[in-house]
């Protein structure tokens, strides 16, 4: 009996997972973007990259833009040449 209940639970879980995947695909097809919104707008991002190239300290830039230092570090990583 317990084995049958386990089999039904496993089957139900696979159905839920399949439906969730299909729903996400439909949402993407409609142009919906999932996930968190970016902290910096495109203009702020361009400004931050410009300031980083000019040599402004990353911690100052983070304070100026009211974001965490890790956000600026990720931007700085984009400036590094690919290895």
PDB file of N, CA and C in Angstrom:
ATOM      1  N   UNK A   1       0.826  -1.205   0.000  1.00  0.00           N
ATOM      2  CA  UNK A   1       0.000   0.000   0.000  1.00  0.00           C
ATOM      3  C   UNK A   1       0.867   1.263   0.000  1.00  0.00           C
ATOM      4  N   UNK A   2       1.880   1.268   0.858  1.00  0.00           N
ATOM      5  CA  UNK A   2       2.754   2.452   0.915  1.00  0.00           C
ATOM      6  C   UNK A   2       3.504   2.652  -0.392  1.00  0.00           C
ATOM      7  N   UNK A   3       3.847   1.577  -1.032  1.00  0.00           N
ATOM      8  CA  UNK A   3       4.548   1.677  -2.311  1.00  0.00           C
ATOM      9  C   UNK A   3       3.640   2.316  -3.368  1.00  0.00           C
ATOM     10  N   UNK A   4       2.371   1.990  -3.367  1.00  0.00           N
ATOM     11  CA  UNK A   4       1.415   2.581  -4.310  1.00  0.00           C
ATOM     12  C   UNK A   4       1.241   4.072  -4.046  1.00  0.00           C
ATOM     13  N   UNK A   5       1.140   4.450  -2.771  1.00  0.00           N
ATOM     14  CA  UNK A   5       1.003   5.864  -2.416  1.00  0.00           C
ATOM     15  C   UNK A   5       2.240   6.628  -2.876  1.00  0.00           C
ATOM     16  N   UNK A   6       3.420   6.045  -2.671  1.00  0.00           N
ATOM     17  CA  UNK A   6       4.661   6.674  -3.118  1.00  0.00           C
ATOM     18  C   UNK A   6       4.707   6.838  -4.623  1.00  0.00           C
ATOM     19  N   UNK A   7       4.236   5.854  -5.346  1.00  0.00           N
ATOM     20  CA  UNK A   7       4.217   5.921  -6.809  1.00  0.00           C
ATOM     21  C   UNK A   7       3.280   7.030  -7.287  1.00  0.00           C
ATOM     22  N   UNK A   8       2.103   7.141  -6.653  1.00  0.00           N
ATOM     23  CA  UNK A   8       1.173   8.211  -7.018  1.00  0.00           C
ATOM     24  C   UNK A   8       1.763   9.589  -6.716  1.00  0.00           C
ATOM     25  N   UNK A   9       2.421   9.718  -5.593  1.00  0.00           N
ATOM     26  CA  UNK A   9       3.034  11.003  -5.221  1.00  0.00           C
ATOM     27  C   UNK A   9       4.121  11.380  -6.224  1.00  0.00           C
ATOM     28  N   UNK A  10       4.914  10.416  -6.617  1.00  0.00           N
ATOM     29  CA  UNK A  10       5.982  10.667  -7.589  1.00  0.00           C
ATOM     30  C   UNK A  10       5.391  11.073  -8.937  1.00  0.00           C
ATOM     31  N   UNK A  11       4.318  10.405  -9.355  1.00  0.00           N
ATOM     32  CA  UNK A  11       3.657  10.729 -10.619  1.00  0.00           C
ATOM     33  C   UNK A  11       3.073  12.141 -10.572  1.00  0.00           C
ATOM     34  N   UNK A  12       2.416  12.467  -9.463  1.00  0.00           N
ATOM     35  CA  UNK A  12       1.824  13.793  -9.313  1.00  0.00           C
ATOM     36  C   UNK A  12       2.899  14.876  -9.348  1.00  0.00           C
ATOM     37  N   UNK A  13       4.018  14.629  -8.696  1.00  0.00           N
ATOM     38  CA  UNK A  13       5.115  15.598  -8.680  1.00  0.00           C
ATOM     39  C   UNK A  13       5.656  15.833 -10.083  1.00  0.00           C
ATOM     40  N   UNK A  14       5.773  14.767 -10.872  1.00  0.00           N
ATOM     41  CA  UNK A  14       6.275  14.927 -12.242  1.00  0.00           C
ATOM     42  C   UNK A  14       5.293  15.728 -13.092  1.00  0.00           C
ATOM     43  N   UNK A  15       3.985  15.535 -12.864  1.00  0.00           N
ATOM     44  CA  UNK A  15       2.982  16.329 -13.587  1.00  0.00           C
ATOM     45  C   UNK A  15       3.083  17.811 -13.231  1.00  0.00           C
ATOM     46  N   UNK A  16       3.256  18.095 -11.943  1.00  0.00           N
ATOM     47  CA  UNK A  16       3.387  19.486 -11.500  1.00  0.00           C
ATOM     48  C   UNK A  16       4.607  20.127 -12.144  1.00  0.00           C
ATOM     49  N   UNK A  17       5.696  19.399 -12.158  1.00  0.00           N
ATOM     50  CA  UNK A  17       6.930  19.932 -12.738  1.00  0.00           C
ATOM     51  C   UNK A  17       6.761  20.194 -14.233  1.00  0.00           C
ATOM     52  N   UNK A  18       6.105  19.290 -14.926  1.00  0.00           N
ATOM     53  CA  UNK A  18       5.875  19.443 -16.359  1.00  0.00           C
ATOM     54  C   UNK A  18       4.993  20.667 -16.634  1.00  0.00           C
ATOM     55  N   UNK A  19       3.918  20.823 -15.877  1.00  0.00           N
ATOM     56  CA  UNK A  19       3.013  21.965 -16.068  1.00  0.00           C
ATOM     57  C   UNK A  19       3.711  23.284 -15.759  1.00  0.00           C
ATOM     58  N   UNK A  20       4.548  23.294 -14.747  1.00  0.00           N
ATOM     59  CA  UNK A  20       5.282  24.507 -14.403  1.00  0.00           C
ATOM     60  C   UNK A  20       6.214  24.901 -15.544  1.00  0.00           C
ATOM     61  N   UNK A  21       6.919  23.934 -16.093  1.00  0.00           N
ATOM     62  CA  UNK A  21       7.815  24.208 -17.223  1.00  0.00           C
ATOM     63  C   UNK A  21       7.072  24.745 -18.428  1.00  0.00           C
ATOM     64  N   UNK A  22       5.919  24.168 -18.719  1.00  0.00           N
ATOM     65  CA  UNK A  22       5.112  24.637 -19.844  1.00  0.00           C
ATOM     66  C   UNK A  22       4.619  26.057 -19.610  1.00  0.00           C
ATOM     67  N   UNK A  23       4.209  26.350 -18.386  1.00  0.00           N
ATOM     68  CA  UNK A  23       3.758  27.701 -18.057  1.00  0.00           C
ATOM     69  C   UNK A  23       4.870  28.723 -18.211  1.00  0.00           C
ATOM     70  N   UNK A  24       6.076  28.375 -17.791  1.00  0.00           N
ATOM     71  CA  UNK A  24       7.216  29.284 -17.942  1.00  0.00           C
ATOM     72  C   UNK A  24       7.540  29.517 -19.415  1.00  0.00           C
ATOM     73  N   UNK A  25       7.456  28.474 -20.222  1.00  0.00           N
ATOM     74  CA  UNK A  25       7.703  28.622 -21.664  1.00  0.00           C
ATOM     75  C   UNK A  25       6.673  29.542 -22.306  1.00  0.00           C
ATOM     76  N   UNK A  26       5.402  29.387 -21.932  1.00  0.00           N
ATOM     77  CA  UNK A  26       4.356  30.265 -22.475  1.00  0.00           C
ATOM     78  C   UNK A  26       4.585  31.708 -22.063  1.00  0.00           C
ATOM     79  N   UNK A  27       4.993  31.920 -20.820  1.00  0.00           N
ATOM     80  CA  UNK A  27       5.250  33.283 -20.343  1.00  0.00           C
ATOM     81  C   UNK A  27       6.411  33.910 -21.106  1.00  0.00           C
ATOM     82  N   UNK A  28       7.476  33.136 -21.338  1.00  0.00           N
ATOM     83  CA  UNK A  28       8.622  33.652 -22.103  1.00  0.00           C
ATOM     84  C   UNK A  28       8.215  33.980 -23.532  1.00  0.00           C
ATOM     85  N   UNK A  29       7.353  33.153 -24.122  1.00  0.00           N
ATOM     86  CA  UNK A  29       6.887  33.389 -25.494  1.00  0.00           C
ATOM     87  C   UNK A  29       6.091  34.686 -25.587  1.00  0.00           C
ATOM     88  N   UNK A  30       5.412  35.043 -24.496  1.00  0.00           N
ATOM     89  CA  UNK A  30       4.650  36.295 -24.458  1.00  0.00           C
ATOM     90  C   UNK A  30       5.543  37.502 -24.153  1.00  0.00           C
ATOM     91  N   UNK A  31       6.812  37.229 -23.850  1.00  0.00           N
ATOM     92  CA  UNK A  31       7.739  38.327 -23.595  1.00  0.00           C
ATOM     93  C   UNK A  31       7.904  38.684 -22.133  1.00  0.00           C
ATOM     94  N   UNK A  32       7.356  37.896 -21.252  1.00  0.00           N
ATOM     95  CA  UNK A  32       7.512  38.168 -19.823  1.00  0.00           C
ATOM     96  C   UNK A  32       8.877  37.689 -19.357  1.00  0.00           C
ATOM     97  N   UNK A  33       9.498  38.496 -18.519  1.00  0.00           N
ATOM     98  CA  UNK A  33      10.824  38.162 -18.010  1.00  0.00           C
ATOM     99  C   UNK A  33      10.684  37.810 -16.540  1.00  0.00           C
ATOM    100  N   UNK A  34      11.250  36.683 -16.162  1.00  0.00           N
ATOM    101  CA  UNK A  34      11.178  36.301 -14.756  1.00  0.00           C
ATOM    102  C   UNK A  34      12.434  36.773 -14.045  1.00  0.00           C
ATOM    103  N   UNK A  35      12.389  36.732 -12.752  1.00  0.00           N
ATOM    104  CA  UNK A  35      13.551  37.118 -11.960  1.00  0.00           C
ATOM    105  C   UNK A  35      13.448  38.536 -11.427  1.00  0.00           C
ATOM    106  N   UNK A  36      14.458  38.908 -10.725  1.00  0.00           N
ATOM    107  CA  UNK A  36      14.500  40.210 -10.085  1.00  0.00           C
ATOM    108  C   UNK A  36      14.836  41.307 -11.088  1.00  0.00           C
ATOM    109  N   UNK A  37      14.261  42.488 -10.883  1.00  0.00           N
ATOM    110  CA  UNK A  37      14.565  43.619 -11.745  1.00  0.00           C
ATOM    111  C   UNK A  37      15.981  44.107 -11.448  1.00  0.00           C
ATOM    112  N   UNK A  38      16.691  44.586 -12.476  1.00  0.00           N
ATOM    113  CA  UNK A  38      18.049  45.077 -12.252  1.00  0.00           C
ATOM    114  C   UNK A  38      18.073  46.278 -11.314  1.00  0.00           C
ATOM    115  N   UNK A  39      19.107  46.349 -10.492  1.00  0.00           N
ATOM    116  CA  UNK A  39      19.243  47.476  -9.568  1.00  0.00           C
ATOM    117  C   UNK A  39      19.530  48.771 -10.311  1.00  0.00           C
ATOM    118  N   UNK A  40      20.339  48.677 -11.375  1.00  0.00           N
ATOM    119  CA  UNK A  40      20.752  49.863 -12.113  1.00  0.00           C
ATOM    120  C   UNK A  40      20.035  49.933 -13.454  1.00  0.00           C
ATOM    121  N   UNK A  41      19.610  51.148 -13.814  1.00  0.00           N
ATOM    122  CA  UNK A  41      19.017  51.335 -15.134  1.00  0.00           C
ATOM    123  C   UNK A  41      20.143  51.308 -16.168  1.00  0.00           C
ATOM    124  N   UNK A  42      19.778  51.330 -17.421  1.00  0.00           N
ATOM    125  CA  UNK A  42      20.787  51.301 -18.490  1.00  0.00           C
ATOM    126  C   UNK A  42      21.688  52.533 -18.419  1.00  0.00           C
ATOM    127  N   UNK A  43      21.098  53.681 -18.101  1.00  0.00           N
ATOM    128  CA  UNK A  43      21.884  54.916 -18.003  1.00  0.00           C
ATOM    129  C   UNK A  43      22.846  54.854 -16.822  1.00  0.00           C
ATOM    130  N   UNK A  44      22.365  54.367 -15.677  1.00  0.00           N
ATOM    131  CA  UNK A  44      23.218  54.251 -14.495  1.00  0.00           C
ATOM    132  C   UNK A  44      24.347  53.264 -14.744  1.00  0.00           C
ATOM    133  N   UNK A  45      24.026  52.191 -15.427  1.00  0.00           N
ATOM    134  CA  UNK A  45      25.034  51.172 -15.727  1.00  0.00           C
ATOM    135  C   UNK A  45      26.129  51.748 -16.619  1.00  0.00           C
ATOM    136  N   UNK A  46      25.726  52.489 -17.666  1.00  0.00           N
ATOM    137  CA  UNK A  46      26.692  53.109 -18.575  1.00  0.00           C
ATOM    138  C   UNK A  46      27.557  54.118 -17.820  1.00  0.00           C
ATOM    139  N   UNK A  47      26.919  54.890 -16.950  1.00  0.00           N
ATOM    140  CA  UNK A  47      27.652  55.877 -16.145  1.00  0.00           C
ATOM    141  C   UNK A  47      28.651  55.178 -15.226  1.00  0.00           C
ATOM    142  N   UNK A  48      28.240  54.094 -14.603  1.00  0.00           N
ATOM    143  CA  UNK A  48      29.117  53.362 -13.692  1.00  0.00           C
ATOM    144  C   UNK A  48      30.316  52.787 -14.442  1.00  0.00           C
ATOM    145  N   UNK A  49      30.083  52.221 -15.615  1.00  0.00           N
ATOM    146  CA  UNK A  49      31.185  51.675 -16.407  1.00  0.00           C
ATOM    147  C   UNK A  49      32.159  52.774 -16.825  1.00  0.00           C
ATOM    148  N   UNK A  50      31.606  53.917 -17.182  1.00  0.00           N
ATOM    149  CA  UNK A  50      32.443  55.062 -17.563  1.00  0.00           C
ATOM    150  C   UNK A  50      33.313  55.510 -16.385  1.00  0.00           C
ATOM    151  N   UNK A  51      32.702  55.581 -15.204  1.00  0.00           N
ATOM    152  CA  UNK A  51      33.436  55.995 -14.004  1.00  0.00           C
ATOM    153  C   UNK A  51      34.502  54.971 -13.624  1.00  0.00           C
ATOM    154  N   UNK A  52      34.200  53.692 -13.797  1.00  0.00           N
ATOM    155  CA  UNK A  52      35.183  52.652 -13.495  1.00  0.00           C
ATOM    156  C   UNK A  52      36.380  52.745 -14.436  1.00  0.00           C
ATOM    157  N   UNK A  53      36.107  53.011 -15.706  1.00  0.00           N
ATOM    158  CA  UNK A  53      37.204  53.165 -16.672  1.00  0.00           C
ATOM    159  C   UNK A  53      38.069  54.369 -16.325  1.00  0.00           C
ATOM    160  N   UNK A  54      37.436  55.409 -15.755  1.00  0.00           N
ATOM    161  CA  UNK A  54      38.161  56.625 -15.386  1.00  0.00           C
ATOM    162  C   UNK A  54      38.974  56.432 -14.106  1.00  0.00           C
ATOM    163  N   UNK A  55      38.748  55.319 -13.405  1.00  0.00           N
ATOM    164  CA  UNK A  55      39.544  55.032 -12.211  1.00  0.00           C
ATOM    165  C   UNK A  55      38.882  55.373 -10.890  1.00  0.00           C
ATOM    166  N   UNK A  56      37.604  55.642 -10.903  1.00  0.00           N
ATOM    167  CA  UNK A  56      36.900  55.949  -9.654  1.00  0.00           C
ATOM    168  C   UNK A  56      36.846  54.691  -8.782  1.00  0.00           C
ATOM    169  N   UNK A  57      37.094  54.828  -7.484  1.00  0.00           N
ATOM    170  CA  UNK A  57      37.047  53.657  -6.588  1.00  0.00           C
ATOM    171  C   UNK A  57      35.654  53.009  -6.582  1.00  0.00           C
ATOM    172  N   UNK A  58      35.654  51.696  -6.541  1.00  0.00           N
ATOM    173  CA  UNK A  58      34.396  50.957  -6.613  1.00  0.00           C
ATOM    174  C   UNK A  58      33.503  51.220  -5.417  1.00  0.00           C
ATOM    175  N   UNK A  59      34.085  51.363  -4.238  1.00  0.00           N
ATOM    176  CA  UNK A  59      33.266  51.602  -3.046  1.00  0.00           C
ATOM    177  C   UNK A  59      32.588  52.976  -3.108  1.00  0.00           C
ATOM    178  N   UNK A  60      33.292  53.979  -3.633  1.00  0.00           N
ATOM    179  CA  UNK A  60      32.690  55.312  -3.787  1.00  0.00           C
ATOM    180  C   UNK A  60      31.535  55.266  -4.777  1.00  0.00           C
ATOM    181  N   UNK A  61      31.759  54.558  -5.860  1.00  0.00           N
ATOM    182  CA  UNK A  61      30.736  54.444  -6.895  1.00  0.00           C
ATOM    183  C   UNK A  61      29.495  53.733  -6.361  1.00  0.00           C
ATOM    184  N   UNK A  62      29.698  52.721  -5.538  1.00  0.00           N
ATOM    185  CA  UNK A  62      28.576  51.996  -4.936  1.00  0.00           C
ATOM    186  C   UNK A  62      27.766  52.925  -4.039  1.00  0.00           C
ATOM    187  N   UNK A  63      28.459  53.738  -3.244  1.00  0.00           N
ATOM    188  CA  UNK A  63      27.772  54.693  -2.372  1.00  0.00           C
ATOM    189  C   UNK A  63      27.012  55.719  -3.198  1.00  0.00           C
ATOM    190  N   UNK A  64      27.641  56.219  -4.250  1.00  0.00           N
ATOM    191  CA  UNK A  64      27.022  57.223  -5.114  1.00  0.00           C
ATOM    192  C   UNK A  64      25.734  56.717  -5.754  1.00  0.00           C
ATOM    193  N   UNK A  65      25.746  55.443  -6.188  1.00  0.00           N
ATOM    194  CA  UNK A  65      24.582  54.875  -6.873  1.00  0.00           C
ATOM    195  C   UNK A  65      23.611  54.164  -5.928  1.00  0.00           C
ATOM    196  N   UNK A  66      23.933  54.141  -4.634  1.00  0.00           N
ATOM    197  CA  UNK A  66      23.088  53.504  -3.614  1.00  0.00           C
ATOM    198  C   UNK A  66      22.859  52.017  -3.897  1.00  0.00           C
ATOM    199  N   UNK A  67      23.943  51.331  -4.226  1.00  0.00           N
ATOM    200  CA  UNK A  67      23.885  49.885  -4.427  1.00  0.00           C
ATOM    201  C   UNK A  67      24.987  49.245  -3.600  1.00  0.00           C
ATOM    202  N   UNK A  68      24.915  47.935  -3.477  1.00  0.00           N
ATOM    203  CA  UNK A  68      25.936  47.213  -2.742  1.00  0.00           C
ATOM    204  C   UNK A  68      27.227  47.169  -3.562  1.00  0.00           C
ATOM    205  N   UNK A  69      28.353  47.024  -2.877  1.00  0.00           N
ATOM    206  CA  UNK A  69      29.637  46.969  -3.576  1.00  0.00           C
ATOM    207  C   UNK A  69      29.701  45.785  -4.531  1.00  0.00           C
ATOM    208  N   UNK A  70      29.045  44.698  -4.184  1.00  0.00           N
ATOM    209  CA  UNK A  70      29.065  43.516  -5.047  1.00  0.00           C
ATOM    210  C   UNK A  70      28.478  43.816  -6.429  1.00  0.00           C
ATOM    211  N   UNK A  71      27.499  44.692  -6.499  1.00  0.00           N
ATOM    212  CA  UNK A  71      26.915  45.082  -7.780  1.00  0.00           C
ATOM    213  C   UNK A  71      27.967  45.756  -8.651  1.00  0.00           C
ATOM    214  N   UNK A  72      28.744  46.631  -8.051  1.00  0.00           N
ATOM    215  CA  UNK A  72      29.793  47.341  -8.784  1.00  0.00           C
ATOM    216  C   UNK A  72      30.919  46.378  -9.151  1.00  0.00           C
ATOM    217  N   UNK A  73      31.249  45.452  -8.259  1.00  0.00           N
ATOM    218  CA  UNK A  73      32.295  44.474  -8.562  1.00  0.00           C
ATOM    219  C   UNK A  73      31.903  43.627  -9.764  1.00  0.00           C
ATOM    220  N   UNK A  74      30.627  43.268  -9.866  1.00  0.00           N
ATOM    221  CA  UNK A  74      30.174  42.488 -11.024  1.00  0.00           C
ATOM    222  C   UNK A  74      30.300  43.311 -12.305  1.00  0.00           C
ATOM    223  N   UNK A  75      30.012  44.603 -12.226  1.00  0.00           N
ATOM    224  CA  UNK A  75      30.191  45.464 -13.382  1.00  0.00           C
ATOM    225  C   UNK A  75      31.670  45.556 -13.771  1.00  0.00           C
ATOM    226  N   UNK A  76      32.525  45.678 -12.769  1.00  0.00           N
ATOM    227  CA  UNK A  76      33.965  45.793 -13.024  1.00  0.00           C
ATOM    228  C   UNK A  76      34.492  44.529 -13.678  1.00  0.00           C
ATOM    229  N   UNK A  77      33.912  43.394 -13.325  1.00  0.00           N
ATOM    230  CA  UNK A  77      34.343  42.124 -13.891  1.00  0.00           C
ATOM    231  C   UNK A  77      34.104  42.103 -15.407  1.00  0.00           C
ATOM    232  N   UNK A  78      33.077  42.798 -15.857  1.00  0.00           N
ATOM    233  CA  UNK A  78      32.775  42.862 -17.293  1.00  0.00           C
ATOM    234  C   UNK A  78      33.857  43.615 -18.062  1.00  0.00           C
ATOM    235  N   UNK A  79      34.534  44.532 -17.385  1.00  0.00           N
ATOM    236  CA  UNK A  79      35.574  45.316 -18.040  1.00  0.00           C
ATOM    237  C   UNK A  79      36.854  44.523 -18.251  1.00  0.00           C
ATOM    238  N   UNK A  80      37.049  43.486 -17.433  1.00  0.00           N
ATOM    239  CA  UNK A  80      38.261  42.680 -17.539  1.00  0.00           C
ATOM    240  C   UNK A  80      38.233  41.888 -18.841  1.00  0.00           C
ATOM    241  N   UNK A  81      39.386  41.767 -19.487  1.00  0.00           N
ATOM    242  CA  UNK A  81      39.419  40.982 -20.733  1.00  0.00           C
ATOM    243  C   UNK A  81      39.186  39.503 -20.442  1.00  0.00           C
ATOM    244  N   UNK A  82      38.565  38.825 -21.387  1.00  0.00           N
ATOM    245  CA  UNK A  82      38.271  37.392 -21.222  1.00  0.00           C
ATOM    246  C   UNK A  82      39.563  36.597 -21.199  1.00  0.00           C
ATOM    247  N   UNK A  83      39.609  35.604 -20.337  1.00  0.00           N
ATOM    248  CA  UNK A  83      40.823  34.791 -20.206  1.00  0.00           C
ATOM    249  C   UNK A  83      40.692  33.523 -21.004  1.00  0.00           C
TER     250      UNK A  83
END
